[in-house]
Amino acid sequence: MSKVWRETADPQKHIDYISTRNEGGVTVKASRDNLIDNWVYFATACNFTFQFSSIDQVQECKDYFLKSIHPSTQEAGHDLEHYWHPWYSKLPKGINKGVKRQKVIKVLDSILDKWSYP
């Protein structure tokens, strides 16, 4: 079953894997103002939990899953270790195909419907 939720950003608890190519990600930034919350968004689909540090990352992920054909994860000039790979090359095998892809798009849409602002 798919599930979405959000939590207040906590640098000691949450990691941003999408905005960097570092294997361990980078810590999210906490809000500098007590009146404004920074949020971390979560989506569980197909036994995998996605974590996003912004609505823009949710949209980027959705754009990736909307494409039925994806380029190779091998990028020219980057034959170094695993930490050079982009976030989408670290997804579980088969999650971007068929019914699983549709489930992921649906759960990402529910995050965007709930928490994005026009």
C-alpha atoms as a PDB file:
ATOM      1  CA  MET A   1       0.000   0.000   0.000  1.00  0.00           C
ATOM      2  CA  SER A   2       1.252   3.465  -0.875  1.00  0.00           C
ATOM      3  CA  LYS A   3       1.656   6.089   1.794  1.00  0.00           C
ATOM      4  CA  VAL A   4       2.765   9.741   1.874  1.00  0.00           C
ATOM      5  CA  TRP A   5       3.728  11.951   4.793  1.00  0.00           C
ATOM      6  CA  ARG A   6       5.936  14.861   5.698  1.00  0.00           C
ATOM      7  CA  GLU A   7       8.088  15.727   8.681  1.00  0.00           C
ATOM      8  CA  THR A   8       9.784  18.889   9.865  1.00  0.00           C
ATOM      9  CA  ALA A   9      13.354  18.890   8.531  1.00  0.00           C
ATOM     10  CA  ASP A  10      15.815  17.629  11.122  1.00  0.00           C
ATOM     11  CA  PRO A  11      19.518  17.654  10.111  1.00  0.00           C
ATOM     12  CA  GLN A  12      20.243  14.862  12.588  1.00  0.00           C
ATOM     13  CA  LYS A  13      17.577  12.603  11.122  1.00  0.00           C
ATOM     14  CA  HIS A  14      17.069  13.443   7.426  1.00  0.00           C
ATOM     15  CA  ILE A  15      19.404  13.157   4.443  1.00  0.00           C
ATOM     16  CA  ASP A  16      19.058  14.734   0.997  1.00  0.00           C
ATOM     17  CA  TYR A  17      20.094  12.136  -1.585  1.00  0.00           C
ATOM     18  CA  ILE A  18      18.762  13.854  -4.695  1.00  0.00           C
ATOM     19  CA  SER A  19      20.601  17.180  -4.816  1.00  0.00           C
ATOM     20  CA  THR A  20      24.060  15.593  -4.620  1.00  0.00           C
ATOM     21  CA  ARG A  21      25.966  12.691  -6.092  1.00  0.00           C
ATOM     22  CA  ASN A  22      27.647  11.799  -2.803  1.00  0.00           C
ATOM     23  CA  GLU A  23      26.873   8.220  -1.815  1.00  0.00           C
ATOM     24  CA  GLY A  24      25.738   9.191   1.687  1.00  0.00           C
ATOM     25  CA  GLY A  25      23.863  12.306   0.608  1.00  0.00           C
ATOM     26  CA  VAL A  26      24.003  15.591   2.508  1.00  0.00           C
ATOM     27  CA  THR A  27      22.121  16.604   5.609  1.00  0.00           C
ATOM     28  CA  VAL A  28      19.013  18.702   5.118  1.00  0.00           C
ATOM     29  CA  LYS A  29      18.994  22.242   6.368  1.00  0.00           C
ATOM     30  CA  ALA A  30      16.840  23.097   9.337  1.00  0.00           C
ATOM     31  CA  SER A  31      14.740  26.222   9.236  1.00  0.00           C
ATOM     32  CA  ARG A  32      16.506  29.354  10.436  1.00  0.00           C
ATOM     33  CA  ASP A  33      13.186  30.868  11.490  1.00  0.00           C
ATOM     34  CA  ASN A  34      10.898  29.431  14.161  1.00  0.00           C
ATOM     35  CA  LEU A  35       7.826  30.577  12.236  1.00  0.00           C
ATOM     36  CA  ILE A  36       8.738  28.869   8.962  1.00  0.00           C
ATOM     37  CA  ASP A  37       9.084  25.103   8.745  1.00  0.00           C
ATOM     38  CA  ASN A  38      11.296  23.300   6.279  1.00  0.00           C
ATOM     39  CA  TRP A  39       9.662  20.015   5.340  1.00  0.00           C
ATOM     40  CA  VAL A  40      10.950  16.653   4.263  1.00  0.00           C
ATOM     41  CA  TYR A  41       8.473  14.651   2.169  1.00  0.00           C
ATOM     42  CA  PHE A  42       8.197  10.870   2.119  1.00  0.00           C
ATOM     43  CA  ALA A  43       6.452   8.451  -0.213  1.00  0.00           C
ATOM     44  CA  THR A  44       6.309   4.682   0.100  1.00  0.00           C
ATOM     45  CA  ALA A  45       5.537   2.728  -3.047  1.00  0.00           C
ATOM     46  CA  CYS A  46       6.495  -0.778  -4.171  1.00  0.00           C
ATOM     47  CA  ASN A  47       8.325  -1.516  -0.906  1.00  0.00           C
ATOM     48  CA  PHE A  48      10.610   1.495  -1.354  1.00  0.00           C
ATOM     49  CA  THR A  49      10.559   4.781   0.559  1.00  0.00           C
ATOM     50  CA  PHE A  50      11.421   7.950  -1.328  1.00  0.00           C
ATOM     51  CA  GLN A  51      12.664  10.949   0.659  1.00  0.00           C
ATOM     52  CA  PHE A  52      12.579  14.493  -0.728  1.00  0.00           C
ATOM     53  CA  SER A  53      13.848  17.710   0.803  1.00  0.00           C
ATOM     54  CA  SER A  54      11.655  19.931  -1.393  1.00  0.00           C
ATOM     55  CA  ILE A  55       8.604  19.905  -3.624  1.00  0.00           C
ATOM     56  CA  ASP A  56      10.941  20.617  -6.572  1.00  0.00           C
ATOM     57  CA  GLN A  57      12.632  17.271  -5.919  1.00  0.00           C
ATOM     58  CA  VAL A  58       9.247  15.542  -5.945  1.00  0.00           C
ATOM     59  CA  GLN A  59       8.515  17.130  -9.334  1.00  0.00           C
ATOM     60  CA  GLU A  60      11.962  16.124 -10.641  1.00  0.00           C
ATOM     61  CA  CYS A  61      11.320  12.543  -9.579  1.00  0.00           C
ATOM     62  CA  LYS A  62       7.888  12.562 -11.176  1.00  0.00           C
ATOM     63  CA  ASP A  63       9.360  13.901 -14.423  1.00  0.00           C
ATOM     64  CA  TYR A  64      11.851  11.029 -14.387  1.00  0.00           C
ATOM     65  CA  PHE A  65       9.133   8.410 -13.865  1.00  0.00           C
ATOM     66  CA  LEU A  66       6.899   9.929 -16.556  1.00  0.00           C
ATOM     67  CA  LYS A  67       9.513   8.975 -19.146  1.00  0.00           C
ATOM     68  CA  SER A  68       9.053   5.398 -20.275  1.00  0.00           C
ATOM     69  CA  ILE A  69      12.556   5.188 -21.745  1.00  0.00           C
ATOM     70  CA  HIS A  70      15.568   6.256 -19.697  1.00  0.00           C
ATOM     71  CA  PRO A  71      19.134   6.891 -20.823  1.00  0.00           C
ATOM     72  CA  SER A  72      21.973   4.713 -19.641  1.00  0.00           C
ATOM     73  CA  THR A  73      23.186   5.348 -16.118  1.00  0.00           C
ATOM     74  CA  GLN A  74      26.726   5.301 -17.500  1.00  0.00           C
ATOM     75  CA  GLU A  75      27.721   8.892 -18.125  1.00  0.00           C
ATOM     76  CA  ALA A  76      30.670   9.818 -20.292  1.00  0.00           C
ATOM     77  CA  GLY A  77      33.767  10.627 -18.281  1.00  0.00           C
ATOM     78  CA  HIS A  78      32.401   9.282 -14.981  1.00  0.00           C
ATOM     79  CA  ASP A  79      33.874   5.815 -14.676  1.00  0.00           C
ATOM     80  CA  LEU A  80      34.924   6.363 -11.072  1.00  0.00           C
ATOM     81  CA  GLU A  81      33.366   4.882  -7.974  1.00  0.00           C
ATOM     82  CA  HIS A  82      29.670   4.569  -7.137  1.00  0.00           C
ATOM     83  CA  TYR A  83      29.429   8.016  -5.530  1.00  0.00           C
ATOM     84  CA  TRP A  84      29.381   9.653  -8.945  1.00  0.00           C
ATOM     85  CA  HIS A  85      26.058   8.150  -9.940  1.00  0.00           C
ATOM     86  CA  PRO A  86      22.884  10.279  -9.905  1.00  0.00           C
ATOM     87  CA  TRP A  87      20.019   9.440  -7.544  1.00  0.00           C
ATOM     88  CA  TYR A  88      17.904   7.648 -10.139  1.00  0.00           C
ATOM     89  CA  SER A  89      20.610   5.073 -10.850  1.00  0.00           C
ATOM     90  CA  LYS A  90      20.341   3.922  -7.221  1.00  0.00           C
ATOM     91  CA  LEU A  91      16.655   2.999  -7.433  1.00  0.00           C
ATOM     92  CA  PRO A  92      15.606  -0.636  -6.938  1.00  0.00           C
ATOM     93  CA  LYS A  93      15.629  -2.742 -10.070  1.00  0.00           C
ATOM     94  CA  GLY A  94      12.372  -2.695 -12.021  1.00  0.00           C
ATOM     95  CA  ILE A  95      10.721   0.159 -10.099  1.00  0.00           C
ATOM     96  CA  ASN A  96      10.683   2.362 -13.201  1.00  0.00           C
ATOM     97  CA  LYS A  97       8.834  -0.144 -15.381  1.00  0.00           C
ATOM     98  CA  GLY A  98       5.224  -1.176 -15.878  1.00  0.00           C
ATOM     99  CA  VAL A  99       2.762  -1.201 -13.003  1.00  0.00           C
ATOM    100  CA  LYS A 100       5.395  -0.180 -10.438  1.00  0.00           C
ATOM    101  CA  ARG A 101       6.148   2.967 -12.421  1.00  0.00           C
ATOM    102  CA  GLN A 102       2.454   3.881 -12.439  1.00  0.00           C
ATOM    103  CA  LYS A 103       2.215   3.328  -8.666  1.00  0.00           C
ATOM    104  CA  VAL A 104       5.196   5.617  -8.070  1.00  0.00           C
ATOM    105  CA  ILE A 105       3.718   8.345 -10.286  1.00  0.00           C
ATOM    106  CA  LYS A 106       0.428   8.075  -8.398  1.00  0.00           C
ATOM    107  CA  VAL A 107       2.069   8.429  -4.984  1.00  0.00           C
ATOM    108  CA  LEU A 108       4.198  11.370  -6.184  1.00  0.00           C
ATOM    109  CA  ASP A 109       1.049  13.041  -7.502  1.00  0.00           C
ATOM    110  CA  SER A 110      -0.531  12.692  -4.077  1.00  0.00           C
ATOM    111  CA  ILE A 111       2.405  14.565  -2.487  1.00  0.00           C
ATOM    112  CA  LEU A 112       2.109  17.310  -5.088  1.00  0.00           C
ATOM    113  CA  ASP A 113      -1.663  17.525  -4.625  1.00  0.00           C
ATOM    114  CA  LYS A 114      -1.380  17.785  -0.851  1.00  0.00           C
ATOM    115  CA  TRP A 115       1.571  20.094  -0.363  1.00  0.00           C
ATOM    116  CA  SER A 116       2.520  21.987  -3.512  1.00  0.00           C
ATOM    117  CA  TYR A 117       1.206  25.474  -3.980  1.00  0.00           C
ATOM    118  CA  PRO A 118       0.354  27.004  -7.362  1.00  0.00           C
END
